[in-house]
Structure formats: structure tokens, C-alpha cells
PDB file of N, CA and C in Angstrom:
ATOM      1  N   MET A   1     -82.836 -57.604-158.618  1.00  0.00           N
ATOM      2  CA  MET A   1     -84.462 -57.383-158.675  1.00  0.00           C
ATOM      3  C   MET A   1     -84.276 -57.100-157.501  1.00  0.00           C
ATOM      4  N   PRO A   2     -85.690 -56.322-156.950  1.00  0.00           N
ATOM      5  CA  PRO A   2     -85.883 -56.555-155.276  1.00  0.00           C
ATOM      6  C   PRO A   2     -86.838 -57.452-155.388  1.00  0.00           C
ATOM      7  N   SER A   3     -86.695 -58.337-154.358  1.00  0.00           N
ATOM      8  CA  SER A   3     -87.824 -59.654-153.879  1.00  0.00           C
ATOM      9  C   SER A   3     -89.257 -59.159-153.377  1.00  0.00           C
ATOM     10  N   ASP A   4     -89.090 -57.733-152.836  1.00  0.00           N
ATOM     11  CA  ASP A   4     -90.130 -57.007-151.900  1.00  0.00           C
ATOM     12  C   ASP A   4     -90.130 -55.861-152.619  1.00  0.00           C
ATOM     13  N   PRO A   5     -91.191 -55.527-153.232  1.00  0.00           N
ATOM     14  CA  PRO A   5     -91.385 -53.938-154.282  1.00  0.00           C
ATOM     15  C   PRO A   5     -92.153 -53.676-153.384  1.00  0.00           C
ATOM     16  N   LYS A   6     -92.458 -52.290-153.110  1.00  0.00           N
ATOM     17  CA  LYS A   6     -93.171 -50.879-152.282  1.00  0.00           C
ATOM     18  C   LYS A   6     -93.524 -50.636-153.039  1.00  0.00           C
ATOM     19  N   PHE A   7     -95.038 -50.384-152.528  1.00  0.00           N
ATOM     20  CA  PHE A   7     -96.066 -49.403-153.849  1.00  0.00           C
ATOM     21  C   PHE A   7     -96.716 -48.627-152.684  1.00  0.00           C
ATOM     22  N   SER A   8     -95.824 -47.075-152.697  1.00  0.00           N
ATOM     23  CA  SER A   8     -96.664 -46.495-151.961  1.00  0.00           C
ATOM     24  C   SER A   8     -98.088 -45.502-151.330  1.00  0.00           C
ATOM     25  N   PHE A   9     -98.844 -45.983-153.170  1.00  0.00           N
ATOM     26  CA  PHE A   9    -100.249 -45.215-152.906  1.00  0.00           C
ATOM     27  C   PHE A   9    -100.912 -46.668-152.131  1.00  0.00           C
ATOM     28  N   ALA A  10    -100.522 -47.880-151.986  1.00  0.00           N
ATOM     29  CA  ALA A  10    -101.184 -48.737-151.071  1.00  0.00           C
ATOM     30  C   ALA A  10    -101.130 -48.334-149.342  1.00  0.00           C
ATOM     31  N   ASP A  11     -99.601 -47.763-148.760  1.00  0.00           N
ATOM     32  CA  ASP A  11     -99.689 -47.655-147.186  1.00  0.00           C
ATOM     33  C   ASP A  11    -100.181 -46.215-146.615  1.00  0.00           C
ATOM     34  N   GLU A  12    -100.578 -45.296-147.959  1.00  0.00           N
ATOM     35  CA  GLU A  12    -100.982 -44.184-147.643  1.00  0.00           C
ATOM     36  C   GLU A  12    -102.300 -43.695-146.927  1.00  0.00           C
ATOM     37  N   PRO A  13    -102.377 -43.492-146.187  1.00  0.00           N
ATOM     38  CA  PRO A  13    -103.855 -43.798-145.859  1.00  0.00           C
ATOM     39  C   PRO A  13    -104.692 -42.705-147.048  1.00  0.00           C
ATOM     40  N   GLU A  14    -106.041 -42.854-147.028  1.00  0.00           N
ATOM     41  CA  GLU A  14    -107.050 -41.956-147.944  1.00  0.00           C
ATOM     42  C   GLU A  14    -106.999 -40.506-147.208  1.00  0.00           C
ATOM     43  N   PRO A  15    -107.051 -39.522-148.682  1.00  0.00           N
ATOM     44  CA  PRO A  15    -106.646 -38.338-148.110  1.00  0.00           C
ATOM     45  C   PRO A  15    -108.203 -37.952-148.106  1.00  0.00           C
ATOM     46  N   LYS A  16    -108.478 -37.313-147.093  1.00  0.00           N
ATOM     47  CA  LYS A  16    -110.225 -36.793-146.263  1.00  0.00           C
ATOM     48  C   LYS A  16    -110.532 -36.006-146.988  1.00  0.00           C
ATOM     49  N   ILE A  17    -111.883 -36.197-147.588  1.00  0.00           N
ATOM     50  CA  ILE A  17    -112.489 -34.868-148.513  1.00  0.00           C
ATOM     51  C   ILE A  17    -112.901 -33.613-147.573  1.00  0.00           C
ATOM     52  N   LYS A  18    -112.298 -32.569-147.627  1.00  0.00           N
ATOM     53  CA  LYS A  18    -113.501 -31.344-146.445  1.00  0.00           C
ATOM     54  C   LYS A  18    -114.696 -30.614-147.506  1.00  0.00           C
ATOM     55  N   GLN A  19    -115.980 -30.960-147.261  1.00  0.00           N
ATOM     56  CA  GLN A  19    -116.662 -30.472-147.497  1.00  0.00           C
ATOM     57  C   GLN A  19    -116.985 -29.044-147.111  1.00  0.00           C
ATOM     58  N   PRO A  20    -117.348 -28.076-147.989  1.00  0.00           N
ATOM     59  CA  PRO A  20    -116.866 -25.991-147.520  1.00  0.00           C
ATOM     60  C   PRO A  20    -118.263 -26.656-146.444  1.00  0.00           C
ATOM     61  N   GLN A  21    -118.485 -25.741-145.703  1.00  0.00           N
ATOM     62  CA  GLN A  21    -119.238 -25.232-144.608  1.00  0.00           C
ATOM     63  C   GLN A  21    -120.124 -24.031-145.386  1.00  0.00           C
ATOM     64  N   LYS A  22    -121.422 -24.906-145.386  1.00  0.00           N
ATOM     65  CA  LYS A  22    -122.295 -23.463-145.578  1.00  0.00           C
ATOM     66  C   LYS A  22    -122.610 -23.040-144.211  1.00  0.00           C
ATOM     67  N   ASN A  23    -122.725 -21.448-144.564  1.00  0.00           N
ATOM     68  CA  ASN A  23    -123.261 -20.088-143.945  1.00  0.00           C
ATOM     69  C   ASN A  23    -124.955 -20.567-142.925  1.00  0.00           C
ATOM     70  N   PRO A  24    -124.882 -20.842-142.221  1.00  0.00           N
ATOM     71  CA  PRO A  24    -126.125 -21.140-141.370  1.00  0.00           C
ATOM     72  C   PRO A  24    -127.606 -20.510-142.343  1.00  0.00           C
ATOM     73  N   ALA A  25    -127.244 -19.171-142.319  1.00  0.00           N
ATOM     74  CA  ALA A  25    -128.102 -18.204-142.940  1.00  0.00           C
ATOM     75  C   ALA A  25    -128.837 -19.063-144.555  1.00  0.00           C
ATOM     76  N   GLN A  26    -127.391 -19.778-145.137  1.00  0.00           N
ATOM     77  CA  GLN A  26    -128.132 -20.549-146.283  1.00  0.00           C
ATOM     78  C   GLN A  26    -129.009 -21.471-146.309  1.00  0.00           C
ATOM     79  N   ARG A  27    -128.095 -22.322-144.881  1.00  0.00           N
ATOM     80  CA  ARG A  27    -129.282 -23.427-144.906  1.00  0.00           C
ATOM     81  C   ARG A  27    -130.795 -23.219-144.563  1.00  0.00           C
ATOM     82  N   LEU A  28    -130.783 -22.295-143.543  1.00  0.00           N
ATOM     83  CA  LEU A  28    -131.944 -21.773-143.519  1.00  0.00           C
ATOM     84  C   LEU A  28    -133.234 -21.379-144.494  1.00  0.00           C
ATOM     85  N   LEU A  29    -131.839 -20.910-145.529  1.00  0.00           N
ATOM     86  CA  LEU A  29    -132.985 -20.288-146.649  1.00  0.00           C
ATOM     87  C   LEU A  29    -132.977 -21.757-147.110  1.00  0.00           C
ATOM     88  N   ASP A  30    -132.264 -22.694-147.612  1.00  0.00           N
ATOM     89  CA  ASP A  30    -132.841 -23.723-148.556  1.00  0.00           C
ATOM     90  C   ASP A  30    -134.113 -24.454-148.077  1.00  0.00           C
ATOM     91  N   PHE A  31    -134.397 -24.702-146.241  1.00  0.00           N
ATOM     92  CA  PHE A  31    -134.963 -25.445-145.204  1.00  0.00           C
ATOM     93  C   PHE A  31    -135.795 -24.571-145.543  1.00  0.00           C
ATOM     94  N   LEU A  32    -136.170 -23.309-146.330  1.00  0.00           N
ATOM     95  CA  LEU A  32    -137.329 -21.971-146.175  1.00  0.00           C
ATOM     96  C   LEU A  32    -138.373 -22.647-147.283  1.00  0.00           C
ATOM     97  N   GLN A  33    -137.342 -22.974-148.775  1.00  0.00           N
ATOM     98  CA  GLN A  33    -138.257 -23.391-150.142  1.00  0.00           C
ATOM     99  C   GLN A  33    -138.578 -24.171-150.069  1.00  0.00           C
ATOM    100  N   ARG A  34    -138.736 -25.696-149.139  1.00  0.00           N
ATOM    101  CA  ARG A  34    -139.384 -26.791-148.849  1.00  0.00           C
ATOM    102  C   ARG A  34    -140.626 -26.251-147.664  1.00  0.00           C
ATOM    103  N   TRP A  35    -140.447 -25.303-147.001  1.00  0.00           N
ATOM    104  CA  TRP A  35    -141.993 -25.349-145.725  1.00  0.00           C
ATOM    105  C   TRP A  35    -143.129 -25.071-146.297  1.00  0.00           C
ATOM    106  N   PRO A  36    -143.790 -25.802-146.004  1.00  0.00           N
ATOM    107  CA  PRO A  36    -145.029 -25.985-146.412  1.00  0.00           C
ATOM    108  C   PRO A  36    -146.014 -24.345-146.463  1.00  0.00           C
ATOM    109  N   LYS A  37    -145.746 -23.853-145.070  1.00  0.00           N
ATOM    110  CA  LYS A  37    -146.580 -22.075-144.521  1.00  0.00           C
ATOM    111  C   LYS A  37    -145.807 -21.485-144.986  1.00  0.00           C
ATOM    112  N   ASN A  38    -146.928 -20.089-144.995  1.00  0.00           N
ATOM    113  CA  ASN A  38    -146.199 -19.191-145.586  1.00  0.00           C
ATOM    114  C   ASN A  38    -145.227 -18.577-144.212  1.00  0.00           C
ATOM    115  N   THR A  39    -145.716 -19.102-143.052  1.00  0.00           N
ATOM    116  CA  THR A  39    -145.138 -18.097-142.097  1.00  0.00           C
ATOM    117  C   THR A  39    -144.310 -19.025-141.122  1.00  0.00           C
ATOM    118  N   ILE A  40    -143.283 -19.242-140.538  1.00  0.00           N
ATOM    119  CA  ILE A  40    -142.562 -19.657-140.013  1.00  0.00           C
ATOM    120  C   ILE A  40    -141.854 -18.861-138.391  1.00  0.00           C
ATOM    121  N   SER A  41    -141.573 -19.811-137.412  1.00  0.00           N
ATOM    122  CA  SER A  41    -141.981 -19.026-136.163  1.00  0.00           C
ATOM    123  C   SER A  41    -140.063 -19.851-135.093  1.00  0.00           C
ATOM    124  N   ARG A  42    -139.570 -19.429-134.975  1.00  0.00           N
ATOM    125  CA  ARG A  42    -138.483 -19.686-134.106  1.00  0.00           C
ATOM    126  C   ARG A  42    -139.071 -21.100-133.733  1.00  0.00           C
ATOM    127  N   ARG A  43    -139.895 -21.273-132.918  1.00  0.00           N
ATOM    128  CA  ARG A  43    -140.004 -22.454-132.482  1.00  0.00           C
ATOM    129  C   ARG A  43    -140.158 -24.041-133.609  1.00  0.00           C
ATOM    130  N   ASP A  44    -140.494 -23.241-134.950  1.00  0.00           N
ATOM    131  CA  ASP A  44    -140.298 -23.700-135.458  1.00  0.00           C
ATOM    132  C   ASP A  44    -139.093 -24.194-136.715  1.00  0.00           C
ATOM    133  N   ILE A  45    -138.046 -23.389-136.294  1.00  0.00           N
ATOM    134  CA  ILE A  45    -136.523 -23.330-137.120  1.00  0.00           C
ATOM    135  C   ILE A  45    -135.960 -24.339-135.743  1.00  0.00           C
ATOM    136  N   TYR A  46    -136.615 -24.769-134.210  1.00  0.00           N
ATOM    137  CA  TYR A  46    -135.697 -25.247-133.362  1.00  0.00           C
ATOM    138  C   TYR A  46    -135.966 -26.784-133.711  1.00  0.00           C
ATOM    139  N   ILE A  47    -137.752 -27.088-133.412  1.00  0.00           N
ATOM    140  CA  ILE A  47    -138.448 -28.088-134.140  1.00  0.00           C
ATOM    141  C   ILE A  47    -137.619 -29.044-134.720  1.00  0.00           C
ATOM    142  N   TYR A  48    -138.088 -28.447-136.867  1.00  0.00           N
ATOM    143  CA  TYR A  48    -137.965 -29.199-137.619  1.00  0.00           C
ATOM    144  C   TYR A  48    -137.222 -28.253-138.590  1.00  0.00           C
ATOM    145  N   GLY A  49    -136.456 -27.247-138.245  1.00  0.00           N
ATOM    146  CA  GLY A  49    -135.298 -26.664-138.932  1.00  0.00           C
ATOM    147  C   GLY A  49    -133.950 -27.597-138.725  1.00  0.00           C
ATOM    148  N   PRO A  50    -132.689 -27.139-139.818  1.00  0.00           N
ATOM    149  CA  PRO A  50    -131.259 -27.723-139.580  1.00  0.00           C
ATOM    150  C   PRO A  50    -130.835 -27.721-138.157  1.00  0.00           C
ATOM    151  N   LYS A  51    -130.368 -29.449-137.993  1.00  0.00           N
ATOM    152  CA  LYS A  51    -129.992 -29.193-136.733  1.00  0.00           C
ATOM    153  C   LYS A  51    -128.312 -28.267-136.867  1.00  0.00           C
ATOM    154  N   SER A  52    -128.027 -27.300-137.773  1.00  0.00           N
ATOM    155  CA  SER A  52    -127.250 -26.565-137.011  1.00  0.00           C
ATOM    156  C   SER A  52    -127.974 -25.336-136.394  1.00  0.00           C
ATOM    157  N   LEU A  53    -128.554 -25.304-136.566  1.00  0.00           N
ATOM    158  CA  LEU A  53    -129.626 -24.192-136.190  1.00  0.00           C
ATOM    159  C   LEU A  53    -131.003 -24.294-134.633  1.00  0.00           C
ATOM    160  N   ARG A  54    -130.432 -25.291-134.098  1.00  0.00           N
ATOM    161  CA  ARG A  54    -130.920 -25.766-132.981  1.00  0.00           C
ATOM    162  C   ARG A  54    -130.656 -25.047-131.753  1.00  0.00           C
ATOM    163  N   ASP A  55    -130.527 -24.321-131.724  1.00  0.00           N
ATOM    164  CA  ASP A  55    -130.438 -23.387-130.460  1.00  0.00           C
ATOM    165  C   ASP A  55    -130.964 -21.701-130.748  1.00  0.00           C
ATOM    166  N   ARG A  56    -131.350 -21.086-129.671  1.00  0.00           N
ATOM    167  CA  ARG A  56    -132.368 -19.935-129.730  1.00  0.00           C
ATOM    168  C   ARG A  56    -130.968 -18.870-130.280  1.00  0.00           C
ATOM    169  N   GLN A  57    -129.904 -18.639-129.751  1.00  0.00           N
ATOM    170  CA  GLN A  57    -129.344 -17.355-130.621  1.00  0.00           C
ATOM    171  C   GLN A  57    -129.078 -18.039-132.261  1.00  0.00           C
ATOM    172  N   SER A  58    -127.986 -18.809-132.621  1.00  0.00           N
ATOM    173  CA  SER A  58    -128.351 -18.934-133.832  1.00  0.00           C
ATOM    174  C   SER A  58    -129.409 -19.069-135.054  1.00  0.00           C
ATOM    175  N   ALA A  59    -131.285 -19.771-134.134  1.00  0.00           N
ATOM    176  CA  ALA A  59    -131.461 -19.239-135.329  1.00  0.00           C
ATOM    177  C   ALA A  59    -131.956 -18.313-135.635  1.00  0.00           C
ATOM    178  N   ILE A  60    -132.179 -16.969-134.707  1.00  0.00           N
ATOM    179  CA  ILE A  60    -132.501 -15.556-134.585  1.00  0.00           C
ATOM    180  C   ILE A  60    -131.462 -14.993-135.170  1.00  0.00           C
ATOM    181  N   ASN A  61    -130.685 -14.824-135.184  1.00  0.00           N
ATOM    182  CA  ASN A  61    -129.264 -14.705-136.024  1.00  0.00           C
ATOM    183  C   ASN A  61    -129.510 -15.076-137.745  1.00  0.00           C
ATOM    184  N   ALA A  62    -129.928 -16.551-137.733  1.00  0.00           N
ATOM    185  CA  ALA A  62    -130.075 -16.834-139.427  1.00  0.00           C
ATOM    186  C   ALA A  62    -131.214 -16.215-139.243  1.00  0.00           C
ATOM    187  N   ALA A  63    -132.072 -16.206-139.371  1.00  0.00           N
ATOM    188  CA  ALA A  63    -134.066 -15.304-139.488  1.00  0.00           C
ATOM    189  C   ALA A  63    -133.237 -14.074-139.444  1.00  0.00           C
ATOM    190  N   GLU A  64    -132.757 -13.077-138.793  1.00  0.00           N
ATOM    191  CA  GLU A  64    -132.573 -12.057-139.245  1.00  0.00           C
ATOM    192  C   GLU A  64    -132.148 -11.688-140.120  1.00  0.00           C
ATOM    193  N   PHE A  65    -130.548 -12.688-140.393  1.00  0.00           N
ATOM    194  CA  PHE A  65    -129.487 -11.946-141.955  1.00  0.00           C
ATOM    195  C   PHE A  65    -130.837 -12.192-143.159  1.00  0.00           C
ATOM    196  N   LEU A  66    -131.525 -12.880-143.427  1.00  0.00           N
ATOM    197  CA  LEU A  66    -132.586 -13.112-143.856  1.00  0.00           C
ATOM    198  C   LEU A  66    -133.746 -12.083-144.694  1.00  0.00           C
ATOM    199  N   VAL A  67    -133.819 -11.248-143.105  1.00  0.00           N
ATOM    200  CA  VAL A  67    -133.967 -10.587-142.912  1.00  0.00           C
ATOM    201  C   VAL A  67    -133.747  -9.404-143.662  1.00  0.00           C
ATOM    202  N   LYS A  68    -132.547  -9.163-143.542  1.00  0.00           N
ATOM    203  CA  LYS A  68    -132.009  -8.003-144.250  1.00  0.00           C
ATOM    204  C   LYS A  68    -131.488  -8.504-145.891  1.00  0.00           C
ATOM    205  N   ALA A  69    -132.003  -9.565-145.957  1.00  0.00           N
ATOM    206  CA  ALA A  69    -131.977 -10.164-147.193  1.00  0.00           C
ATOM    207  C   ALA A  69    -132.749  -9.946-147.901  1.00  0.00           C
ATOM    208  N   GLY A  70    -133.678  -9.843-147.661  1.00  0.00           N
ATOM    209  CA  GLY A  70    -135.668  -9.795-148.263  1.00  0.00           C
ATOM    210  C   GLY A  70    -136.346 -10.664-148.605  1.00  0.00           C
ATOM    211  N   TRP A  71    -135.559 -11.817-147.720  1.00  0.00           N
ATOM    212  CA  TRP A  71    -136.163 -13.272-147.479  1.00  0.00           C
ATOM    213  C   TRP A  71    -137.331 -13.741-146.700  1.00  0.00           C
ATOM    214  N   LEU A  72    -136.999 -12.746-145.754  1.00  0.00           N
ATOM    215  CA  LEU A  72    -138.058 -12.777-144.303  1.00  0.00           C
ATOM    216  C   LEU A  72    -138.748 -11.768-144.042  1.00  0.00           C
ATOM    217  N   VAL A  73    -139.786 -11.345-144.026  1.00  0.00           N
ATOM    218  CA  VAL A  73    -140.157 -10.644-143.434  1.00  0.00           C
ATOM    219  C   VAL A  73    -140.602 -10.447-142.108  1.00  0.00           C
ATOM    220  N   PRO A  74    -140.712 -10.142-141.355  1.00  0.00           N
ATOM    221  CA  PRO A  74    -141.247  -9.705-139.185  1.00  0.00           C
ATOM    222  C   PRO A  74    -142.679  -9.784-139.654  1.00  0.00           C
ATOM    223  N   TYR A  75    -143.339 -10.622-138.698  1.00  0.00           N
ATOM    224  CA  TYR A  75    -144.468 -11.007-138.387  1.00  0.00           C
ATOM    225  C   TYR A  75    -144.982 -10.196-136.709  1.00  0.00           C
ATOM    226  N   LYS A  76    -145.686  -9.805-136.982  1.00  0.00           N
ATOM    227  CA  LYS A  76    -146.669  -9.098-136.169  1.00  0.00           C
ATOM    228  C   LYS A  76    -147.601 -10.324-134.981  1.00  0.00           C
ATOM    229  N   THR A  77    -146.915 -10.766-133.459  1.00  0.00           N
ATOM    230  CA  THR A  77    -148.063 -10.855-133.143  1.00  0.00           C
ATOM    231  C   THR A  77    -148.371 -10.448-131.494  1.00  0.00           C
ATOM    232  N   HIS A  78    -148.781 -11.038-131.041  1.00  0.00           N
ATOM    233  CA  HIS A  78    -149.549 -10.189-129.633  1.00  0.00           C
ATOM    234  C   HIS A  78    -148.385 -10.108-128.359  1.00  0.00           C
ATOM    235  N   ARG A  79    -147.621 -11.040-128.708  1.00  0.00           N
ATOM    236  CA  ARG A  79    -146.921 -11.694-127.749  1.00  0.00           C
ATOM    237  C   ARG A  79    -145.391 -11.064-127.667  1.00  0.00           C
ATOM    238  N   HIS A  80    -144.719  -9.982-126.918  1.00  0.00           N
ATOM    239  CA  HIS A  80    -143.692  -9.788-127.271  1.00  0.00           C
ATOM    240  C   HIS A  80    -142.416 -10.442-126.905  1.00  0.00           C
ATOM    241  N   ASP A  81    -142.255 -11.558-126.481  1.00  0.00           N
ATOM    242  CA  ASP A  81    -141.371 -12.980-126.297  1.00  0.00           C
ATOM    243  C   ASP A  81    -141.510 -14.046-128.247  1.00  0.00           C
ATOM    244  N   TRP A  82    -142.359 -13.557-128.516  1.00  0.00           N
ATOM    245  CA  TRP A  82    -142.463 -14.760-129.881  1.00  0.00           C
ATOM    246  C   TRP A  82    -141.794 -13.555-131.058  1.00  0.00           C
ATOM    247  N   ARG A  83    -141.868 -14.828-132.331  1.00  0.00           N
ATOM    248  CA  ARG A  83    -140.816 -14.388-133.517  1.00  0.00           C
ATOM    249  C   ARG A  83    -140.983 -15.073-134.217  1.00  0.00           C
ATOM    250  N   VAL A  84    -142.245 -14.539-135.053  1.00  0.00           N
ATOM    251  CA  VAL A  84    -142.686 -15.337-136.767  1.00  0.00           C
ATOM    252  C   VAL A  84    -142.147 -14.279-137.685  1.00  0.00           C
ATOM    253  N   TRP A  85    -141.708 -14.819-138.120  1.00  0.00           N
ATOM    254  CA  TRP A  85    -141.504 -14.395-139.842  1.00  0.00           C
ATOM    255  C   TRP A  85    -142.810 -14.998-141.341  1.00  0.00           C
ATOM    256  N   GLU A  86    -142.906 -14.150-141.714  1.00  0.00           N
ATOM    257  CA  GLU A  86    -143.339 -14.291-143.030  1.00  0.00           C
ATOM    258  C   GLU A  86    -142.579 -14.827-144.052  1.00  0.00           C
ATOM    259  N   ILE A  87    -142.677 -15.367-144.842  1.00  0.00           N
ATOM    260  CA  ILE A  87    -141.694 -16.225-146.079  1.00  0.00           C
ATOM    261  C   ILE A  87    -142.199 -15.723-147.103  1.00  0.00           C
ATOM    262  N   VAL A  88    -140.694 -14.874-147.645  1.00  0.00           N
ATOM    263  CA  VAL A  88    -141.523 -14.523-149.188  1.00  0.00           C
ATOM    264  C   VAL A  88    -140.654 -15.361-150.226  1.00  0.00           C
ATOM    265  N   ARG A  89    -141.605 -15.389-151.076  1.00  0.00           N
ATOM    266  CA  ARG A  89    -141.121 -16.570-151.469  1.00  0.00           C
ATOM    267  C   ARG A  89    -140.938 -16.341-153.392  1.00  0.00           C
ATOM    268  N   LYS A  90    -139.770 -16.855-153.407  1.00  0.00           N
ATOM    269  CA  LYS A  90    -139.490 -15.785-154.866  1.00  0.00           C
ATOM    270  C   LYS A  90    -139.044 -17.281-156.356  1.00  0.00           C
ATOM    271  N   PRO A  91    -139.421 -16.697-157.916  1.00  0.00           N
ATOM    272  CA  PRO A  91    -139.328 -17.856-157.625  1.00  0.00           C
ATOM    273  C   PRO A  91    -137.361 -18.291-158.849  1.00  0.00           C
ATOM    274  N   ILE A  92    -136.637 -18.352-157.889  1.00  0.00           N
ATOM    275  CA  ILE A  92    -135.593 -18.556-158.186  1.00  0.00           C
ATOM    276  C   ILE A  92    -135.525 -20.221-158.063  1.00  0.00           C
ATOM    277  N   ILE A  93    -134.930 -21.198-158.783  1.00  0.00           N
ATOM    278  CA  ILE A  93    -134.677 -22.173-158.214  1.00  0.00           C
ATOM    279  C   ILE A  93    -133.690 -22.788-157.012  1.00  0.00           C
ATOM    280  N   HIS A  94    -132.301 -22.251-157.578  1.00  0.00           N
ATOM    281  CA  HIS A  94    -131.696 -22.496-156.333  1.00  0.00           C
ATOM    282  C   HIS A  94    -130.955 -21.051-155.866  1.00  0.00           C
ATOM    283  N   PRO A  95    -131.804 -20.594-154.544  1.00  0.00           N
ATOM    284  CA  PRO A  95    -131.689 -19.018-153.786  1.00  0.00           C
ATOM    285  C   PRO A  95    -130.260 -19.429-153.283  1.00  0.00           C
ATOM    286  N   THR A  96    -129.388 -18.341-153.872  1.00  0.00           N
ATOM    287  CA  THR A  96    -128.325 -18.086-152.659  1.00  0.00           C
ATOM    288  C   THR A  96    -128.324 -16.837-151.964  1.00  0.00           C
ATOM    289  N   ILE A  97    -127.253 -16.407-150.977  1.00  0.00           N
ATOM    290  CA  ILE A  97    -127.170 -15.182-150.111  1.00  0.00           C
ATOM    291  C   ILE A  97    -125.520 -15.252-150.408  1.00  0.00           C
ATOM    292  N   ALA A  98    -125.718 -13.420-150.155  1.00  0.00           N
ATOM    293  CA  ALA A  98    -124.545 -13.079-151.180  1.00  0.00           C
ATOM    294  C   ALA A  98    -123.651 -12.912-149.826  1.00  0.00           C
ATOM    295  N   ALA A  99    -122.944 -13.467-150.064  1.00  0.00           N
ATOM    296  CA  ALA A  99    -121.684 -13.701-149.003  1.00  0.00           C
ATOM    297  C   ALA A  99    -120.681 -11.836-148.587  1.00  0.00           C
TER     298      ALA A  99
END
């Protein structure tokens, strides 16, 4: 009889569970479902949006992807450097973007 039993499961480190990374456009779409206004600007995405979209290029890319998917419509502004989109509300509980 061994005097010192060894349990292999106790010595092994706990396996890390990797969460799947969400598409930035999907994160923005999830955020827009809770946004109280009918329009959203690039600045609103910077300030209130998901942390992964806090830089200029990723926010614009995600919004342009939602324009192509039909969830946002470009809104005409009086300044050429402003970006504002009108949110298209659809009666879907958990909307997803086809990859």
C-alpha cells in the first residue's frame, strides 16, 4: 500500500474557459437596443458605447457595418465632420448580425 497517495486532479491548474469574442458591430447593435434616443452620433458611441469601440476608427467601422446590415441610416448633418445615424428599431428580441 502506498503511504502517500497522489491525486492528479488536485495538482493540475484549473482550466481557463475562453469566452468567444463578439464582433464589434454586434456589440454596438446590442448597445443600440438599450439606447433611449432615435439617433446616435460618433461622439455618443465614444462616451457611452462599449469600451471596445472607444476609438474613432473602430466606432466608424462598426457603425458602417450596421448601415450595410440595415440597422442604422446615415443622418444628414450641417457639418461635414460629424457622423450621426438614425437607429432602425425592429421588433426582434435578440438581434444578431450574420457574419
